[in-house]
Amino acid sequence: MALKGIGGGRFSFDSDELIAELKMDIAEFGKDEVFAVWLRKYPEYGVEFIVNYDFICDDDPLGEFDKGENERIVLMSGEKALDYMQKQSKPIELYEIEI
């Protein structure tokens, strides 16, 4: 699957390792567990990919994480993050995603 970018182009990001890791975390903690999710924007293509995720601290959910250039961190359920990762991972089908 791929994300739809500028000009209708298809853009994908290999997420197989993240998907496998997240599936294990969902199996252990449930699909509704909320994670801090790193989204990296590629403005030249008009897409954002999940590039990492982590468990959050209840006291300050986003305060302890560093983000890189063109990255933002959002809170997302395991189920939603998994769906997004699967859609961005393989360039077979085309998806438009709004966060």
Protein backbone atom coordinates (compact mmCIF):
# COMPACT_ATOMS: atom_id res chain seq x y z
CA MET A 1 0.00 0.00 0.00
CA ALA A 2 1.17 3.56 -0.44
CA LEU A 3 0.24 7.08 0.49
CA LYS A 4 -1.02 9.50 -2.12
CA GLY A 5 1.26 12.47 -2.54
CA ILE A 6 1.73 15.46 -4.81
CA GLY A 7 0.38 14.91 -8.29
CA GLY A 8 -1.27 11.65 -7.22
CA GLY A 9 2.10 9.92 -6.88
CA ARG A 10 2.50 6.79 -4.78
CA PHE A 11 4.98 6.95 -1.94
CA SER A 12 5.81 4.12 0.44
CA PHE A 13 8.06 3.62 3.46
CA ASP A 14 9.34 0.17 4.47
CA SER A 15 7.69 -0.41 7.83
CA ASP A 16 7.89 -4.19 8.16
CA GLU A 17 10.03 -4.12 11.32
CA LEU A 18 7.87 -1.44 12.98
CA ILE A 19 4.72 -3.36 12.05
CA ALA A 20 6.05 -6.60 13.56
CA GLU A 21 7.08 -4.81 16.76
CA LEU A 22 3.76 -2.98 17.06
CA LYS A 23 1.80 -6.20 16.51
CA MET A 24 3.63 -7.74 19.48
CA ASP A 25 2.90 -4.68 21.64
CA ILE A 26 -0.78 -4.77 20.64
CA ALA A 27 -0.96 -8.48 21.49
CA GLU A 28 0.47 -7.72 24.93
CA PHE A 29 -1.19 -4.37 25.76
CA GLY A 30 -4.28 -4.23 23.52
CA LYS A 31 -5.26 -2.32 20.38
CA ASP A 32 -6.43 0.70 22.37
CA GLU A 33 -3.04 1.35 24.04
CA VAL A 34 -1.96 4.89 23.17
CA PHE A 35 1.54 5.47 21.83
CA ALA A 36 3.70 8.46 20.95
CA VAL A 37 4.09 8.24 17.17
CA TRP A 38 6.76 10.04 15.12
CA LEU A 39 5.49 11.36 11.79
CA ARG A 40 8.16 12.56 9.37
CA LYS A 41 6.97 14.95 6.70
CA TYR A 42 8.40 14.88 3.21
CA PRO A 43 7.16 18.25 1.91
CA GLU A 44 8.62 17.71 -1.55
CA TYR A 45 6.22 14.75 -1.98
CA GLY A 46 3.34 15.94 0.20
CA VAL A 47 3.30 12.88 2.48
CA GLU A 48 3.98 11.99 6.13
CA PHE A 49 5.23 8.58 7.24
CA ILE A 50 5.30 6.97 10.67
CA VAL A 51 8.99 6.40 11.35
CA ASN A 52 8.88 5.37 15.02
CA TYR A 53 6.64 4.92 18.03
CA ASP A 54 7.08 4.47 21.76
CA PHE A 55 5.14 4.03 24.97
CA ILE A 56 4.16 7.27 26.68
CA CYS A 57 4.47 8.55 30.23
CA ASP A 58 1.12 9.53 31.77
CA ASP A 59 2.57 12.62 33.47
CA ASP A 60 3.93 14.30 30.33
CA PRO A 61 3.03 12.25 27.25
CA LEU A 62 5.08 14.15 24.67
CA GLY A 63 7.60 16.02 26.80
CA GLU A 64 10.32 13.39 26.98
CA PHE A 65 10.75 12.61 23.27
CA ASP A 66 13.17 14.18 20.82
CA LYS A 67 12.04 14.73 17.28
CA GLY A 68 14.11 15.22 14.18
CA GLU A 69 13.88 17.67 11.34
CA ASN A 70 10.44 17.66 9.67
CA GLU A 71 9.07 15.40 12.41
CA ARG A 72 6.18 15.79 14.76
CA ILE A 73 4.97 13.52 17.52
CA VAL A 74 1.29 12.68 17.93
CA LEU A 75 -0.64 10.38 20.24
CA MET A 76 -2.26 7.46 18.44
CA SER A 77 -3.88 4.17 19.42
CA GLY A 78 -2.03 1.00 18.52
CA GLU A 79 -4.83 0.04 16.16
CA LYS A 80 -4.69 3.35 14.26
CA ALA A 81 -0.88 3.33 14.12
CA LEU A 82 -0.87 -0.23 12.77
CA ASP A 83 -3.41 0.66 10.09
CA TYR A 84 -1.36 3.71 9.05
CA MET A 85 1.90 1.71 8.95
CA GLN A 86 0.34 -1.02 6.82
CA LYS A 87 -0.98 1.58 4.38
CA GLN A 88 2.39 3.33 4.07
CA SER A 89 4.46 0.16 3.79
CA LYS A 90 3.80 -1.34 0.36
CA PRO A 91 3.13 0.45 -2.94
CA ILE A 92 0.19 -1.70 -4.04
CA GLU A 93 -2.93 0.30 -3.17
CA LEU A 94 -3.22 4.07 -2.86
CA TYR A 95 -4.46 5.86 0.27
CA GLU A 96 -5.04 9.47 1.29
CA ILE A 97 -4.56 9.85 5.06
CA GLU A 98 -5.45 12.84 7.22
CA ILE A 99 -4.20 13.12 10.82
